[in-house]
Each structure stands twice: as C-alpha cells, then as structure tokens.
Amino acid sequence: MCGIAGLWNPGGSASRETLAAMIATLHHRGPDGTGFHLDGPVGTAHARLAIIDWPAARSRCATRTAASG
C-alpha cells in the first residue's frame, strides 16, 4: 500500500510545506519513505511502503511525465 497526494495552485507556486502536511496524513499508507516533485503551480508527493525492500526498488517522484492520446 502506498499513498499519493497532489495540488495545483493556479495563482502561484505549489507549496512543499502543504504537500508535506498532505502526505503526513497518509503516513500509515507508506511509512518507508516519501518523495516530492514541484513544478511551478503543480506539486505531487508520495508515501512508499516497502514490502520487499530491495535497494534498487527505491523510487522517487518522476521528473518526466508521459501522456497518451
């Protein structure tokens, strides 16, 4: 089980502090690590639950996105 959170602030920049508070409420979903990605008015965060904690399995918020369609 993991958790994700995101925010969009059309009037300014996404706040890391706000994302940190949001993902803190999901700590029970993934207590093994968190990550953040901020890009102008958009921010995302994730909480990670390591079922099998392989060193290579650690993930971060992606810096690239893909869209289909």
C-alpha atoms as a PDB file:
ATOM      1  CA  MET A   1       0.000   0.000   0.000  1.00  0.00           C
ATOM      2  CA  CYS A   2       1.321   3.433  -0.915  1.00  0.00           C
ATOM      3  CA  GLY A   3      -0.211   6.882  -0.928  1.00  0.00           C
ATOM      4  CA  ILE A   4      -0.134   9.824  -3.315  1.00  0.00           C
ATOM      5  CA  ALA A   5      -1.132  13.456  -2.998  1.00  0.00           C
ATOM      6  CA  GLY A   6      -1.129  16.381  -5.358  1.00  0.00           C
ATOM      7  CA  LEU A   7      -2.031  20.005  -5.548  1.00  0.00           C
ATOM      8  CA  TRP A   8      -2.447  22.723  -8.129  1.00  0.00           C
ATOM      9  CA  ASN A   9      -2.169  26.378  -7.169  1.00  0.00           C
ATOM     10  CA  PRO A  10      -3.185  28.375 -10.265  1.00  0.00           C
ATOM     11  CA  GLY A  11      -2.429  31.664  -8.507  1.00  0.00           C
ATOM     12  CA  GLY A  12       1.189  30.872  -7.593  1.00  0.00           C
ATOM     13  CA  SER A  13       3.632  28.134  -6.749  1.00  0.00           C
ATOM     14  CA  ALA A  14       2.899  24.760  -5.185  1.00  0.00           C
ATOM     15  CA  SER A  15       3.995  24.658  -1.560  1.00  0.00           C
ATOM     16  CA  ARG A  16       6.270  21.871  -0.326  1.00  0.00           C
ATOM     17  CA  GLU A  17       5.024  22.531   3.209  1.00  0.00           C
ATOM     18  CA  THR A  18       1.409  21.969   2.129  1.00  0.00           C
ATOM     19  CA  LEU A  19       2.371  18.759   0.306  1.00  0.00           C
ATOM     20  CA  ALA A  20       4.323  17.574   3.347  1.00  0.00           C
ATOM     21  CA  ALA A  21       1.230  18.097   5.529  1.00  0.00           C
ATOM     22  CA  MET A  22      -0.936  16.260   2.989  1.00  0.00           C
ATOM     23  CA  ILE A  23       1.378  13.256   2.732  1.00  0.00           C
ATOM     24  CA  ALA A  24       1.810  13.174   6.529  1.00  0.00           C
ATOM     25  CA  THR A  25      -1.883  12.271   6.794  1.00  0.00           C
ATOM     26  CA  LEU A  26      -1.115   9.225   4.603  1.00  0.00           C
ATOM     27  CA  HIS A  27       1.901   8.090   6.653  1.00  0.00           C
ATOM     28  CA  HIS A  28       0.095   4.854   7.574  1.00  0.00           C
ATOM     29  CA  ARG A  29      -0.121   4.040   3.833  1.00  0.00           C
ATOM     30  CA  GLY A  30       3.641   4.138   3.315  1.00  0.00           C
ATOM     31  CA  PRO A  31       5.940   4.701   6.285  1.00  0.00           C
ATOM     32  CA  ASP A  32       9.112   3.626   4.439  1.00  0.00           C
ATOM     33  CA  GLY A  33       9.785   6.806   2.515  1.00  0.00           C
ATOM     34  CA  THR A  34       8.340   9.882   0.888  1.00  0.00           C
ATOM     35  CA  GLY A  35       9.128  11.919  -2.188  1.00  0.00           C
ATOM     36  CA  PHE A  36       8.100  15.271  -3.597  1.00  0.00           C
ATOM     37  CA  HIS A  37       8.062  16.894  -7.015  1.00  0.00           C
ATOM     38  CA  LEU A  38       7.344  20.599  -7.512  1.00  0.00           C
ATOM     39  CA  ASP A  39       6.945  22.298 -10.872  1.00  0.00           C
ATOM     40  CA  GLY A  40       5.522  25.810 -10.689  1.00  0.00           C
ATOM     41  CA  PRO A  41       1.853  25.663  -9.692  1.00  0.00           C
ATOM     42  CA  VAL A  42       1.783  21.824  -9.587  1.00  0.00           C
ATOM     43  CA  GLY A  43       3.119  19.585  -6.855  1.00  0.00           C
ATOM     44  CA  THR A  44       2.958  15.864  -6.150  1.00  0.00           C
ATOM     45  CA  ALA A  45       4.042  13.723  -3.227  1.00  0.00           C
ATOM     46  CA  HIS A  46       4.110  10.020  -2.473  1.00  0.00           C
ATOM     47  CA  ALA A  47       4.469   7.774   0.559  1.00  0.00           C
ATOM     48  CA  ARG A  48       6.140   4.420  -0.036  1.00  0.00           C
ATOM     49  CA  LEU A  49       5.519   1.103   1.667  1.00  0.00           C
ATOM     50  CA  ALA A  50       8.363  -1.364   1.130  1.00  0.00           C
ATOM     51  CA  ILE A  51       7.008  -4.904   1.071  1.00  0.00           C
ATOM     52  CA  ILE A  52      10.326  -6.317  -0.156  1.00  0.00           C
ATOM     53  CA  ASP A  53      12.888  -3.589   0.343  1.00  0.00           C
ATOM     54  CA  TRP A  54      15.390  -4.153  -2.442  1.00  0.00           C
ATOM     55  CA  PRO A  55      17.878  -1.271  -2.675  1.00  0.00           C
ATOM     56  CA  ALA A  56      17.145  -0.965  -6.410  1.00  0.00           C
ATOM     57  CA  ALA A  57      13.404  -0.779  -5.747  1.00  0.00           C
ATOM     58  CA  ARG A  58      13.532   2.625  -4.074  1.00  0.00           C
ATOM     59  CA  SER A  59      11.612   5.060  -6.221  1.00  0.00           C
ATOM     60  CA  ARG A  60      11.353   8.818  -6.453  1.00  0.00           C
ATOM     61  CA  CYS A  61       8.754  11.101  -7.891  1.00  0.00           C
ATOM     62  CA  ALA A  62       9.345  11.175 -11.624  1.00  0.00           C
ATOM     63  CA  THR A  63      10.776  14.269 -13.223  1.00  0.00           C
ATOM     64  CA  ARG A  64       9.208  13.390 -16.586  1.00  0.00           C
ATOM     65  CA  THR A  65       5.621  12.660 -17.381  1.00  0.00           C
ATOM     66  CA  ALA A  66       4.041  10.808 -20.253  1.00  0.00           C
ATOM     67  CA  ALA A  67       0.648  11.426 -21.774  1.00  0.00           C
ATOM     68  CA  SER A  68      -1.298   9.268 -24.142  1.00  0.00           C
ATOM     69  CA  GLY A  69      -3.905  10.314 -26.621  1.00  0.00           C
END
